[in-house]
Amino acid sequence: MKDLSLLFERHPDPMWVYDLETLHFLEVNHAAVRRYGYTRGEFLAMTIKDIRPTKDVDALEQNIALISEGIDYAGVWTHLNKAGEQLLVDITSEVLEFRGRTAELVCARDVTDRVRLQSEARTTEERFKLIARATHDVIWDWNLDTDQVWWNENMETVFGHKLAELEPDSTSWSNRIHPDDLKRVVNSIHAVQEGKGSTWRNTAS
């Protein structure tokens, strides 16, 4: 039991135990104190509704009403720290008996930065595709890690190659270079990949 207590206290993610009937915090770990900004004493005087936006309390109560035995993966929820800042946390929990009370052990993994980066990436991709649709140029995007290539619709309108028939990788590009130019073009782009430049541009000599 002592080992489990140490695991709870030292876990890097915020964790707490709350009473399923009163919703009061019964115990919190050090990570919860650090991330949310409340002292342990302040936490123990609060309920789990106090770290939620008011608009989410009804959904929280509905979720609690559905809790049963076993591990519950509740997904991503919005929490508030003591300063009123929003945190996005991925919630995993399990029902247990704690100090004679039916309670739930909660692990709240902070995914705020991850979700923000994903949102920014989606926005960037949407802007890129909007520009790609607005231009008359042929645009392609090459993922150097996966070798996956994306083409805009002008590949079909300009060159007549149907997008559905193109290879999904860089061969969709290299297979359509004239044999007389293939070695020169491939060598020039490899030079950029090897750090001999930050941009690639190739024109016939």
N, C-alpha and C. Protein backbone atom coordinates (compact mmCIF):
# COMPACT_ATOMS: atom_id res chain seq x y z
N MET A 1 0.83 -1.21 0.00
CA MET A 1 0.00 0.00 0.00
C MET A 1 0.86 1.26 0.00
N LYS A 2 2.01 1.19 0.72
CA LYS A 2 2.91 2.34 0.76
C LYS A 2 3.45 2.64 -0.63
N ASP A 3 3.78 1.57 -1.40
CA ASP A 3 4.29 1.76 -2.75
C ASP A 3 3.25 2.43 -3.64
N LEU A 4 1.98 2.04 -3.49
CA LEU A 4 0.91 2.65 -4.28
C LEU A 4 0.74 4.12 -3.92
N SER A 5 0.89 4.44 -2.64
CA SER A 5 0.78 5.82 -2.20
C SER A 5 1.89 6.67 -2.81
N LEU A 6 3.11 6.12 -2.85
CA LEU A 6 4.23 6.85 -3.44
C LEU A 6 4.02 7.04 -4.94
N LEU A 7 3.48 6.02 -5.60
CA LEU A 7 3.20 6.12 -7.03
C LEU A 7 2.20 7.24 -7.30
N PHE A 8 1.18 7.32 -6.46
CA PHE A 8 0.17 8.38 -6.59
C PHE A 8 0.81 9.75 -6.38
N GLU A 9 1.57 9.90 -5.31
CA GLU A 9 2.16 11.20 -4.98
C GLU A 9 3.16 11.67 -6.02
N ARG A 10 3.93 10.73 -6.56
CA ARG A 10 5.03 11.10 -7.46
C ARG A 10 4.67 10.99 -8.94
N HIS A 11 3.46 10.61 -9.23
CA HIS A 11 3.08 10.48 -10.64
C HIS A 11 3.21 11.83 -11.33
N PRO A 12 3.77 11.87 -12.55
CA PRO A 12 3.98 13.17 -13.23
C PRO A 12 2.70 13.85 -13.69
N ASP A 13 1.62 13.10 -13.83
CA ASP A 13 0.34 13.69 -14.23
C ASP A 13 -0.49 14.03 -13.00
N PRO A 14 -1.29 15.10 -13.07
CA PRO A 14 -2.20 15.41 -11.97
C PRO A 14 -3.15 14.23 -11.70
N MET A 15 -3.28 13.89 -10.43
CA MET A 15 -4.19 12.82 -10.03
C MET A 15 -4.93 13.25 -8.76
N TRP A 16 -6.13 12.74 -8.61
CA TRP A 16 -6.88 12.99 -7.38
C TRP A 16 -7.89 11.88 -7.16
N VAL A 17 -8.40 11.85 -5.94
CA VAL A 17 -9.50 10.96 -5.57
C VAL A 17 -10.64 11.85 -5.10
N TYR A 18 -11.84 11.59 -5.61
CA TYR A 18 -12.99 12.39 -5.17
C TYR A 18 -14.15 11.48 -4.78
N ASP A 19 -15.00 12.00 -3.92
CA ASP A 19 -16.16 11.28 -3.41
C ASP A 19 -17.25 11.28 -4.49
N LEU A 20 -17.71 10.11 -4.88
CA LEU A 20 -18.70 10.02 -5.95
C LEU A 20 -20.07 10.56 -5.55
N GLU A 21 -20.33 10.65 -4.25
CA GLU A 21 -21.62 11.18 -3.79
C GLU A 21 -21.58 12.70 -3.65
N THR A 22 -20.57 13.21 -2.94
CA THR A 22 -20.51 14.65 -2.68
C THR A 22 -19.70 15.41 -3.72
N LEU A 23 -18.89 14.69 -4.49
CA LEU A 23 -17.98 15.24 -5.50
C LEU A 23 -16.82 16.03 -4.89
N HIS A 24 -16.64 15.97 -3.57
CA HIS A 24 -15.52 16.65 -2.92
C HIS A 24 -14.21 15.90 -3.18
N PHE A 25 -13.14 16.68 -3.34
CA PHE A 25 -11.82 16.08 -3.42
C PHE A 25 -11.49 15.43 -2.08
N LEU A 26 -10.96 14.22 -2.14
CA LEU A 26 -10.53 13.51 -0.93
C LEU A 26 -9.01 13.48 -0.81
N GLU A 27 -8.33 13.51 -1.96
CA GLU A 27 -6.87 13.54 -1.96
C GLU A 27 -6.38 14.00 -3.33
N VAL A 28 -5.25 14.69 -3.36
CA VAL A 28 -4.64 15.13 -4.62
C VAL A 28 -3.14 14.87 -4.55
N ASN A 29 -2.50 14.73 -5.71
CA ASN A 29 -1.05 14.52 -5.69
C ASN A 29 -0.31 15.84 -5.96
N HIS A 30 1.02 15.76 -5.91
CA HIS A 30 1.84 16.97 -6.07
C HIS A 30 1.68 17.59 -7.45
N ALA A 31 1.54 16.74 -8.48
CA ALA A 31 1.40 17.26 -9.84
C ALA A 31 0.12 18.09 -9.99
N ALA A 32 -0.95 17.68 -9.32
CA ALA A 32 -2.19 18.45 -9.37
C ALA A 32 -2.01 19.82 -8.72
N VAL A 33 -1.31 19.84 -7.60
CA VAL A 33 -1.05 21.11 -6.90
C VAL A 33 -0.24 22.04 -7.79
N ARG A 34 0.79 21.49 -8.45
CA ARG A 34 1.65 22.31 -9.32
C ARG A 34 0.88 22.82 -10.53
N ARG A 35 0.13 21.95 -11.18
CA ARG A 35 -0.48 22.32 -12.46
C ARG A 35 -1.70 23.21 -12.28
N TYR A 36 -2.46 22.99 -11.22
CA TYR A 36 -3.70 23.75 -11.05
C TYR A 36 -3.52 24.98 -10.17
N GLY A 37 -2.45 25.02 -9.39
CA GLY A 37 -2.15 26.21 -8.60
C GLY A 37 -2.81 26.28 -7.24
N TYR A 38 -3.64 25.32 -6.89
CA TYR A 38 -4.27 25.28 -5.57
C TYR A 38 -3.38 24.52 -4.59
N THR A 39 -3.42 24.89 -3.33
CA THR A 39 -2.75 24.09 -2.32
C THR A 39 -3.58 22.84 -2.06
N ARG A 40 -2.97 21.87 -1.40
CA ARG A 40 -3.72 20.65 -1.07
C ARG A 40 -4.93 21.00 -0.21
N GLY A 41 -4.75 21.90 0.76
CA GLY A 41 -5.86 22.29 1.61
C GLY A 41 -6.99 22.93 0.84
N GLU A 42 -6.64 23.76 -0.14
CA GLU A 42 -7.68 24.40 -0.97
C GLU A 42 -8.43 23.36 -1.79
N PHE A 43 -7.69 22.41 -2.35
CA PHE A 43 -8.35 21.35 -3.11
C PHE A 43 -9.36 20.60 -2.24
N LEU A 44 -8.96 20.25 -1.02
CA LEU A 44 -9.82 19.42 -0.17
C LEU A 44 -11.06 20.16 0.31
N ALA A 45 -11.10 21.47 0.10
CA ALA A 45 -12.29 22.26 0.44
C ALA A 45 -13.18 22.47 -0.79
N MET A 46 -12.81 21.88 -1.92
CA MET A 46 -13.51 22.09 -3.18
C MET A 46 -14.16 20.81 -3.67
N THR A 47 -15.02 20.94 -4.66
CA THR A 47 -15.55 19.79 -5.39
C THR A 47 -14.96 19.82 -6.80
N ILE A 48 -15.12 18.71 -7.51
CA ILE A 48 -14.56 18.66 -8.86
C ILE A 48 -15.29 19.61 -9.81
N LYS A 49 -16.47 20.09 -9.42
CA LYS A 49 -17.17 21.07 -10.26
C LYS A 49 -16.46 22.42 -10.24
N ASP A 50 -15.67 22.67 -9.20
CA ASP A 50 -14.99 23.96 -9.06
C ASP A 50 -13.85 24.16 -10.05
N ILE A 51 -13.39 23.08 -10.68
CA ILE A 51 -12.31 23.23 -11.66
C ILE A 51 -12.84 23.08 -13.08
N ARG A 52 -14.16 23.18 -13.22
CA ARG A 52 -14.78 23.12 -14.55
C ARG A 52 -15.41 24.46 -14.91
N PRO A 53 -15.42 24.81 -16.19
CA PRO A 53 -16.22 25.96 -16.62
C PRO A 53 -17.69 25.70 -16.29
N THR A 54 -18.41 26.74 -15.94
CA THR A 54 -19.82 26.59 -15.56
C THR A 54 -20.62 25.86 -16.63
N LYS A 55 -20.32 26.14 -17.90
CA LYS A 55 -21.08 25.54 -19.00
C LYS A 55 -20.88 24.04 -19.11
N ASP A 56 -19.83 23.51 -18.47
CA ASP A 56 -19.53 22.07 -18.59
C ASP A 56 -20.05 21.26 -17.41
N VAL A 57 -20.61 21.92 -16.39
CA VAL A 57 -21.01 21.20 -15.18
C VAL A 57 -22.12 20.19 -15.45
N ASP A 58 -23.11 20.55 -16.27
CA ASP A 58 -24.19 19.61 -16.58
C ASP A 58 -23.64 18.36 -17.26
N ALA A 59 -22.73 18.55 -18.21
CA ALA A 59 -22.13 17.40 -18.90
C ALA A 59 -21.32 16.55 -17.93
N LEU A 60 -20.64 17.20 -16.99
CA LEU A 60 -19.88 16.48 -15.97
C LEU A 60 -20.81 15.60 -15.14
N GLU A 61 -21.91 16.17 -14.67
CA GLU A 61 -22.85 15.41 -13.83
C GLU A 61 -23.46 14.24 -14.60
N GLN A 62 -23.73 14.46 -15.89
CA GLN A 62 -24.27 13.37 -16.72
C GLN A 62 -23.24 12.25 -16.86
N ASN A 63 -21.98 12.64 -17.02
CA ASN A 63 -20.92 11.64 -17.14
C ASN A 63 -20.76 10.84 -15.86
N ILE A 64 -20.83 11.52 -14.72
CA ILE A 64 -20.70 10.84 -13.43
C ILE A 64 -21.84 9.86 -13.21
N ALA A 65 -23.04 10.22 -13.67
CA ALA A 65 -24.21 9.35 -13.50
C ALA A 65 -24.05 8.04 -14.27
N LEU A 66 -23.19 8.03 -15.27
CA LEU A 66 -22.99 6.83 -16.08
C LEU A 66 -21.81 5.99 -15.62
N ILE A 67 -21.10 6.45 -14.59
CA ILE A 67 -19.91 5.75 -14.13
C ILE A 67 -20.28 4.39 -13.55
N SER A 68 -19.52 3.38 -13.92
CA SER A 68 -19.73 2.03 -13.39
C SER A 68 -18.38 1.47 -12.98
N GLU A 69 -18.34 0.21 -12.66
CA GLU A 69 -17.08 -0.41 -12.26
C GLU A 69 -16.10 -0.44 -13.43
N GLY A 70 -14.82 -0.50 -13.09
CA GLY A 70 -13.79 -0.60 -14.12
C GLY A 70 -13.21 0.75 -14.49
N ILE A 71 -12.34 0.72 -15.47
CA ILE A 71 -11.65 1.93 -15.92
C ILE A 71 -12.53 2.69 -16.91
N ASP A 72 -12.60 3.99 -16.74
CA ASP A 72 -13.40 4.85 -17.62
C ASP A 72 -12.47 5.80 -18.36
N TYR A 73 -12.55 5.77 -19.69
CA TYR A 73 -11.79 6.71 -20.52
C TYR A 73 -12.75 7.80 -20.96
N ALA A 74 -12.73 8.91 -20.23
CA ALA A 74 -13.73 9.96 -20.44
C ALA A 74 -13.39 10.91 -21.58
N GLY A 75 -12.16 10.84 -22.09
CA GLY A 75 -11.78 11.73 -23.18
C GLY A 75 -11.24 13.06 -22.69
N VAL A 76 -11.21 14.03 -23.60
CA VAL A 76 -10.62 15.34 -23.30
C VAL A 76 -11.68 16.30 -22.77
N TRP A 77 -11.37 16.92 -21.62
CA TRP A 77 -12.26 17.89 -20.98
C TRP A 77 -11.51 19.19 -20.74
N THR A 78 -12.28 20.26 -20.57
CA THR A 78 -11.69 21.56 -20.23
C THR A 78 -11.74 21.75 -18.73
N HIS A 79 -10.59 22.06 -18.14
CA HIS A 79 -10.50 22.39 -16.72
C HIS A 79 -10.00 23.82 -16.56
N LEU A 80 -10.14 24.36 -15.36
CA LEU A 80 -9.65 25.70 -15.05
C LEU A 80 -8.66 25.61 -13.90
N ASN A 81 -7.52 26.30 -14.04
CA ASN A 81 -6.61 26.36 -12.90
C ASN A 81 -6.99 27.53 -11.99
N LYS A 82 -6.24 27.75 -10.95
CA LYS A 82 -6.59 28.78 -9.97
C LYS A 82 -6.61 30.17 -10.60
N ALA A 83 -5.77 30.39 -11.61
CA ALA A 83 -5.71 31.69 -12.28
C ALA A 83 -6.83 31.87 -13.30
N GLY A 84 -7.66 30.84 -13.47
CA GLY A 84 -8.76 30.93 -14.43
C GLY A 84 -8.38 30.54 -15.84
N GLU A 85 -7.15 30.04 -16.02
CA GLU A 85 -6.70 29.63 -17.35
C GLU A 85 -7.26 28.26 -17.69
N GLN A 86 -7.60 28.09 -18.95
CA GLN A 86 -8.16 26.81 -19.39
C GLN A 86 -7.06 25.79 -19.65
N LEU A 87 -7.29 24.57 -19.20
CA LEU A 87 -6.41 23.44 -19.46
C LEU A 87 -7.23 22.38 -20.18
N LEU A 88 -6.65 21.75 -21.18
CA LEU A 88 -7.29 20.62 -21.84
C LEU A 88 -6.64 19.36 -21.30
N VAL A 89 -7.46 18.48 -20.71
CA VAL A 89 -6.91 17.30 -20.05
C VAL A 89 -7.63 16.05 -20.53
N ASP A 90 -6.85 15.00 -20.71
CA ASP A 90 -7.39 13.69 -21.11
C ASP A 90 -7.61 12.88 -19.84
N ILE A 91 -8.87 12.54 -19.57
CA ILE A 91 -9.25 11.96 -18.29
C ILE A 91 -9.39 10.44 -18.36
N THR A 92 -8.70 9.77 -17.43
CA THR A 92 -8.87 8.34 -17.21
C THR A 92 -9.18 8.15 -15.73
N SER A 93 -10.14 7.29 -15.40
CA SER A 93 -10.53 7.15 -13.99
C SER A 93 -10.96 5.73 -13.68
N GLU A 94 -11.03 5.46 -12.37
CA GLU A 94 -11.47 4.13 -11.93
C GLU A 94 -12.13 4.25 -10.56
N VAL A 95 -13.24 3.55 -10.39
CA VAL A 95 -13.98 3.56 -9.12
C VAL A 95 -13.24 2.70 -8.10
N LEU A 96 -13.21 3.17 -6.84
CA LEU A 96 -12.56 2.42 -5.77
C LEU A 96 -13.14 2.85 -4.43
N GLU A 97 -12.85 2.06 -3.40
CA GLU A 97 -13.20 2.44 -2.03
C GLU A 97 -12.04 3.21 -1.43
N PHE A 98 -12.32 4.39 -0.84
CA PHE A 98 -11.25 5.21 -0.28
C PHE A 98 -11.73 5.78 1.05
N ARG A 99 -11.05 5.36 2.12
CA ARG A 99 -11.40 5.81 3.47
C ARG A 99 -12.88 5.62 3.78
N GLY A 100 -13.38 4.47 3.36
CA GLY A 100 -14.76 4.12 3.65
C GLY A 100 -15.79 4.75 2.74
N ARG A 101 -15.34 5.46 1.70
CA ARG A 101 -16.26 6.13 0.78
C ARG A 101 -16.11 5.53 -0.62
N THR A 102 -17.23 5.50 -1.36
CA THR A 102 -17.15 5.13 -2.77
C THR A 102 -16.61 6.33 -3.52
N ALA A 103 -15.49 6.14 -4.16
CA ALA A 103 -14.78 7.27 -4.75
C ALA A 103 -14.29 6.90 -6.15
N GLU A 104 -13.67 7.87 -6.78
CA GLU A 104 -13.08 7.63 -8.09
C GLU A 104 -11.68 8.22 -8.13
N LEU A 105 -10.75 7.40 -8.60
CA LEU A 105 -9.37 7.84 -8.81
C LEU A 105 -9.26 8.38 -10.22
N VAL A 106 -8.75 9.61 -10.35
CA VAL A 106 -8.70 10.28 -11.66
C VAL A 106 -7.26 10.63 -12.02
N CYS A 107 -6.91 10.38 -13.26
CA CYS A 107 -5.64 10.84 -13.82
C CYS A 107 -5.97 11.83 -14.93
N ALA A 108 -5.45 13.05 -14.82
CA ALA A 108 -5.76 14.12 -15.78
C ALA A 108 -4.48 14.50 -16.53
N ARG A 109 -4.29 13.91 -17.68
CA ARG A 109 -3.09 14.19 -18.48
C ARG A 109 -3.28 15.48 -19.27
N ASP A 110 -2.40 16.43 -19.06
CA ASP A 110 -2.49 17.73 -19.72
C ASP A 110 -2.12 17.60 -21.20
N VAL A 111 -3.09 17.86 -22.08
CA VAL A 111 -2.85 17.78 -23.52
C VAL A 111 -3.06 19.14 -24.18
N THR A 112 -2.99 20.20 -23.38
CA THR A 112 -3.25 21.55 -23.90
C THR A 112 -2.35 21.88 -25.08
N ASP A 113 -1.05 21.69 -24.92
CA ASP A 113 -0.10 22.03 -25.99
C ASP A 113 -0.30 21.14 -27.20
N ARG A 114 -0.55 19.86 -26.97
CA ARG A 114 -0.74 18.93 -28.09
C ARG A 114 -1.95 19.31 -28.92
N VAL A 115 -3.06 19.61 -28.25
CA VAL A 115 -4.28 19.98 -28.96
C VAL A 115 -4.09 21.30 -29.70
N ARG A 116 -3.38 22.25 -29.06
CA ARG A 116 -3.13 23.54 -29.71
C ARG A 116 -2.30 23.36 -30.98
N LEU A 117 -1.26 22.53 -30.91
CA LEU A 117 -0.41 22.30 -32.08
C LEU A 117 -1.19 21.60 -33.18
N GLN A 118 -2.05 20.66 -32.81
CA GLN A 118 -2.87 19.97 -33.81
C GLN A 118 -3.82 20.95 -34.49
N SER A 119 -4.39 21.86 -33.69
CA SER A 119 -5.30 22.86 -34.24
C SER A 119 -4.57 23.79 -35.19
N GLU A 120 -3.37 24.21 -34.80
CA GLU A 120 -2.57 25.09 -35.66
C GLU A 120 -2.19 24.39 -36.95
N ALA A 121 -1.86 23.10 -36.84
CA ALA A 121 -1.50 22.33 -38.04
C ALA A 121 -2.68 22.21 -38.99
N ARG A 122 -3.89 21.98 -38.44
CA ARG A 122 -5.08 21.90 -39.29
C ARG A 122 -5.36 23.23 -39.97
N THR A 123 -5.18 24.33 -39.22
CA THR A 123 -5.41 25.66 -39.79
C THR A 123 -4.43 25.93 -40.92
N THR A 124 -3.16 25.58 -40.70
CA THR A 124 -2.14 25.78 -41.73
C THR A 124 -2.45 24.95 -42.97
N GLU A 125 -2.88 23.71 -42.75
CA GLU A 125 -3.21 22.84 -43.88
C GLU A 125 -4.40 23.38 -44.66
N GLU A 126 -5.41 23.88 -43.93
CA GLU A 126 -6.59 24.43 -44.61
C GLU A 126 -6.22 25.66 -45.44
N ARG A 127 -5.34 26.51 -44.90
CA ARG A 127 -4.90 27.69 -45.64
C ARG A 127 -4.12 27.28 -46.88
N PHE A 128 -3.25 26.28 -46.72
CA PHE A 128 -2.44 25.81 -47.84
C PHE A 128 -3.34 25.28 -48.96
N LYS A 129 -4.35 24.48 -48.59
CA LYS A 129 -5.23 23.91 -49.60
C LYS A 129 -6.09 24.99 -50.26
N LEU A 130 -6.45 26.02 -49.50
CA LEU A 130 -7.21 27.12 -50.08
C LEU A 130 -6.38 27.84 -51.14
N ILE A 131 -5.11 28.09 -50.81
CA ILE A 131 -4.21 28.73 -51.78
C ILE A 131 -4.01 27.83 -52.99
N ALA A 132 -3.87 26.53 -52.73
CA ALA A 132 -3.65 25.58 -53.82
C ALA A 132 -4.83 25.54 -54.78
N ARG A 133 -6.04 25.74 -54.26
CA ARG A 133 -7.22 25.75 -55.13
C ARG A 133 -7.35 27.07 -55.89
N ALA A 134 -6.83 28.14 -55.29
CA ALA A 134 -7.00 29.47 -55.89
C ALA A 134 -6.01 29.74 -57.02
N THR A 135 -4.89 29.04 -57.06
CA THR A 135 -3.87 29.30 -58.07
C THR A 135 -4.07 28.43 -59.30
N HIS A 136 -3.45 28.84 -60.40
CA HIS A 136 -3.46 28.03 -61.62
C HIS A 136 -2.20 27.16 -61.71
N ASP A 137 -1.30 27.30 -60.74
CA ASP A 137 -0.06 26.53 -60.75
C ASP A 137 -0.30 25.12 -60.24
N VAL A 138 0.60 24.23 -60.62
CA VAL A 138 0.59 22.87 -60.08
C VAL A 138 1.40 22.89 -58.78
N ILE A 139 0.77 22.49 -57.69
CA ILE A 139 1.43 22.50 -56.38
C ILE A 139 1.45 21.08 -55.83
N TRP A 140 2.59 20.71 -55.27
CA TRP A 140 2.69 19.40 -54.63
C TRP A 140 3.39 19.55 -53.29
N ASP A 141 3.02 18.70 -52.36
CA ASP A 141 3.57 18.73 -51.01
C ASP A 141 4.17 17.36 -50.72
N TRP A 142 5.45 17.34 -50.38
CA TRP A 142 6.18 16.08 -50.20
C TRP A 142 6.59 15.94 -48.74
N ASN A 143 6.07 14.92 -48.07
CA ASN A 143 6.46 14.61 -46.70
C ASN A 143 7.73 13.77 -46.74
N LEU A 144 8.85 14.36 -46.35
CA LEU A 144 10.13 13.66 -46.46
C LEU A 144 10.25 12.50 -45.48
N ASP A 145 9.47 12.52 -44.41
CA ASP A 145 9.54 11.43 -43.43
C ASP A 145 8.81 10.19 -43.92
N THR A 146 7.64 10.39 -44.56
CA THR A 146 6.82 9.25 -45.00
C THR A 146 6.90 9.00 -46.49
N ASP A 147 7.50 9.94 -47.23
CA ASP A 147 7.58 9.90 -48.70
C ASP A 147 6.21 10.07 -49.35
N GLN A 148 5.23 10.52 -48.59
CA GLN A 148 3.89 10.72 -49.15
C GLN A 148 3.83 12.06 -49.88
N VAL A 149 3.18 12.07 -51.03
CA VAL A 149 3.08 13.27 -51.85
C VAL A 149 1.61 13.62 -52.08
N TRP A 150 1.31 14.91 -51.91
CA TRP A 150 -0.04 15.42 -52.18
C TRP A 150 0.05 16.40 -53.35
N TRP A 151 -0.87 16.29 -54.30
CA TRP A 151 -0.94 17.18 -55.46
C TRP A 151 -2.24 17.97 -55.42
N ASN A 152 -2.19 19.21 -55.91
CA ASN A 152 -3.45 19.94 -56.05
C ASN A 152 -4.13 19.55 -57.36
N GLU A 153 -5.33 20.02 -57.55
CA GLU A 153 -6.15 19.59 -58.69
C GLU A 153 -5.56 20.01 -60.03
N ASN A 154 -4.66 20.98 -60.03
CA ASN A 154 -4.10 21.45 -61.29
C ASN A 154 -3.16 20.43 -61.94
N MET A 155 -2.75 19.41 -61.19
CA MET A 155 -1.97 18.34 -61.81
C MET A 155 -2.79 17.69 -62.91
N GLU A 156 -4.10 17.63 -62.70
CA GLU A 156 -4.98 17.03 -63.69
C GLU A 156 -5.33 18.02 -64.80
N THR A 157 -5.63 19.27 -64.42
CA THR A 157 -6.05 20.24 -65.43
C THR A 157 -4.89 20.69 -66.33
N VAL A 158 -3.67 20.75 -65.78
CA VAL A 158 -2.52 21.21 -66.56
C VAL A 158 -1.86 20.07 -67.33
N PHE A 159 -1.63 18.93 -66.64
CA PHE A 159 -0.89 17.84 -67.27
C PHE A 159 -1.76 16.66 -67.68
N GLY A 160 -3.01 16.65 -67.24
CA GLY A 160 -3.91 15.58 -67.64
C GLY A 160 -3.79 14.30 -66.82
N HIS A 161 -3.01 14.32 -65.74
CA HIS A 161 -2.87 13.14 -64.89
C HIS A 161 -3.97 13.13 -63.84
N LYS A 162 -4.81 12.11 -63.84
CA LYS A 162 -5.88 12.03 -62.85
C LYS A 162 -5.28 11.76 -61.47
N LEU A 163 -5.73 12.53 -60.47
CA LEU A 163 -5.17 12.41 -59.12
C LEU A 163 -5.33 11.00 -58.56
N ALA A 164 -6.46 10.37 -58.85
CA ALA A 164 -6.72 9.04 -58.31
C ALA A 164 -5.77 7.99 -58.87
N GLU A 165 -5.15 8.30 -60.01
CA GLU A 165 -4.26 7.33 -60.65
C GLU A 165 -2.79 7.56 -60.32
N LEU A 166 -2.50 8.65 -59.60
CA LEU A 166 -1.11 8.95 -59.25
C LEU A 166 -0.62 8.06 -58.11
N GLU A 167 0.66 7.71 -58.15
CA GLU A 167 1.25 6.98 -57.04
C GLU A 167 1.21 7.87 -55.79
N PRO A 168 1.08 7.28 -54.60
CA PRO A 168 0.96 8.09 -53.39
C PRO A 168 2.29 8.64 -52.87
N ASP A 169 3.39 8.23 -53.48
CA ASP A 169 4.70 8.64 -52.98
C ASP A 169 5.45 9.47 -54.01
N SER A 170 6.76 9.67 -53.80
CA SER A 170 7.53 10.55 -54.66
C SER A 170 7.71 10.02 -56.08
N THR A 171 7.37 8.76 -56.30
CA THR A 171 7.45 8.26 -57.68
C THR A 171 6.41 8.92 -58.57
N SER A 172 5.36 9.48 -57.97
CA SER A 172 4.37 10.22 -58.77
C SER A 172 5.01 11.43 -59.42
N TRP A 173 6.12 11.87 -58.87
CA TRP A 173 6.88 13.00 -59.41
C TRP A 173 8.03 12.52 -60.28
N SER A 174 8.86 11.62 -59.72
CA SER A 174 10.06 11.19 -60.45
C SER A 174 9.74 10.40 -61.70
N ASN A 175 8.64 9.65 -61.70
CA ASN A 175 8.28 8.86 -62.89
C ASN A 175 7.84 9.72 -64.07
N ARG A 176 7.61 11.00 -63.81
CA ARG A 176 7.11 11.88 -64.86
C ARG A 176 8.13 12.94 -65.29
N ILE A 177 9.37 12.75 -64.86
CA ILE A 177 10.47 13.60 -65.32
C ILE A 177 11.07 12.98 -66.58
N HIS A 178 11.37 13.80 -67.54
CA HIS A 178 11.96 13.28 -68.78
C HIS A 178 13.28 12.57 -68.45
N PRO A 179 13.53 11.41 -69.05
CA PRO A 179 14.75 10.66 -68.75
C PRO A 179 16.03 11.47 -68.90
N ASP A 180 16.06 12.41 -69.84
CA ASP A 180 17.27 13.22 -70.03
C ASP A 180 17.52 14.16 -68.85
N ASP A 181 16.46 14.49 -68.11
CA ASP A 181 16.57 15.44 -67.00
C ASP A 181 16.59 14.77 -65.63
N LEU A 182 16.25 13.49 -65.58
CA LEU A 182 16.01 12.82 -64.30
C LEU A 182 17.20 12.91 -63.35
N LYS A 183 18.39 12.55 -63.82
CA LYS A 183 19.56 12.53 -62.94
C LYS A 183 19.87 13.93 -62.40
N ARG A 184 19.83 14.94 -63.27
CA ARG A 184 20.14 16.30 -62.85
C ARG A 184 19.14 16.81 -61.81
N VAL A 185 17.87 16.56 -62.04
CA VAL A 185 16.83 17.04 -61.13
C VAL A 185 16.91 16.33 -59.78
N VAL A 186 17.06 15.01 -59.81
CA VAL A 186 17.13 14.24 -58.57
C VAL A 186 18.36 14.63 -57.76
N ASN A 187 19.49 14.80 -58.42
CA ASN A 187 20.72 15.20 -57.72
C ASN A 187 20.57 16.57 -57.06
N SER A 188 19.90 17.48 -57.75
CA SER A 188 19.75 18.83 -57.20
C SER A 188 18.85 18.84 -55.96
N ILE A 189 17.82 18.02 -55.98
CA ILE A 189 16.94 18.01 -54.81
C ILE A 189 17.58 17.26 -53.65
N HIS A 190 18.38 16.24 -53.94
CA HIS A 190 19.11 15.54 -52.89
C HIS A 190 20.13 16.46 -52.22
N ALA A 191 20.69 17.37 -52.99
CA ALA A 191 21.66 18.31 -52.42
C ALA A 191 21.00 19.18 -51.35
N VAL A 192 19.77 19.59 -51.59
CA VAL A 192 19.04 20.39 -50.60
C VAL A 192 18.73 19.54 -49.37
N GLN A 193 18.33 18.28 -49.59
CA GLN A 193 18.04 17.39 -48.47
C GLN A 193 19.27 17.15 -47.59
N GLU A 194 20.44 17.20 -48.20
CA GLU A 194 21.68 16.98 -47.46
C GLU A 194 22.21 18.24 -46.81
N GLY A 195 21.43 19.32 -46.87
CA GLY A 195 21.80 20.54 -46.17
C GLY A 195 22.59 21.53 -46.98
N LYS A 196 22.63 21.36 -48.30
CA LYS A 196 23.40 22.27 -49.14
C LYS A 196 22.53 23.40 -49.69
N GLY A 197 21.50 23.72 -48.94
CA GLY A 197 20.59 24.79 -49.32
C GLY A 197 19.30 24.65 -48.55
N SER A 198 18.52 25.73 -48.47
CA SER A 198 17.26 25.69 -47.73
C SER A 198 16.05 25.64 -48.65
N THR A 199 16.24 25.95 -49.92
CA THR A 199 15.15 25.89 -50.89
C THR A 199 15.63 25.16 -52.14
N TRP A 200 14.68 24.63 -52.89
CA TRP A 200 15.02 23.91 -54.11
C TRP A 200 14.33 24.55 -55.29
N ARG A 201 15.10 24.80 -56.31
CA ARG A 201 14.55 25.31 -57.57
C ARG A 201 15.40 24.73 -58.68
N ASN A 202 14.72 24.18 -59.68
CA ASN A 202 15.47 23.57 -60.76
C ASN A 202 14.88 24.00 -62.09
N THR A 203 15.72 24.50 -62.96
CA THR A 203 15.29 24.88 -64.30
C THR A 203 16.24 24.26 -65.30
N ALA A 204 15.75 24.06 -66.48
CA ALA A 204 16.59 23.46 -67.52
C ALA A 204 17.71 24.41 -67.88
N SER A 205 18.90 23.86 -68.11
CA SER A 205 20.05 24.68 -68.47
C SER A 205 20.07 24.94 -69.96
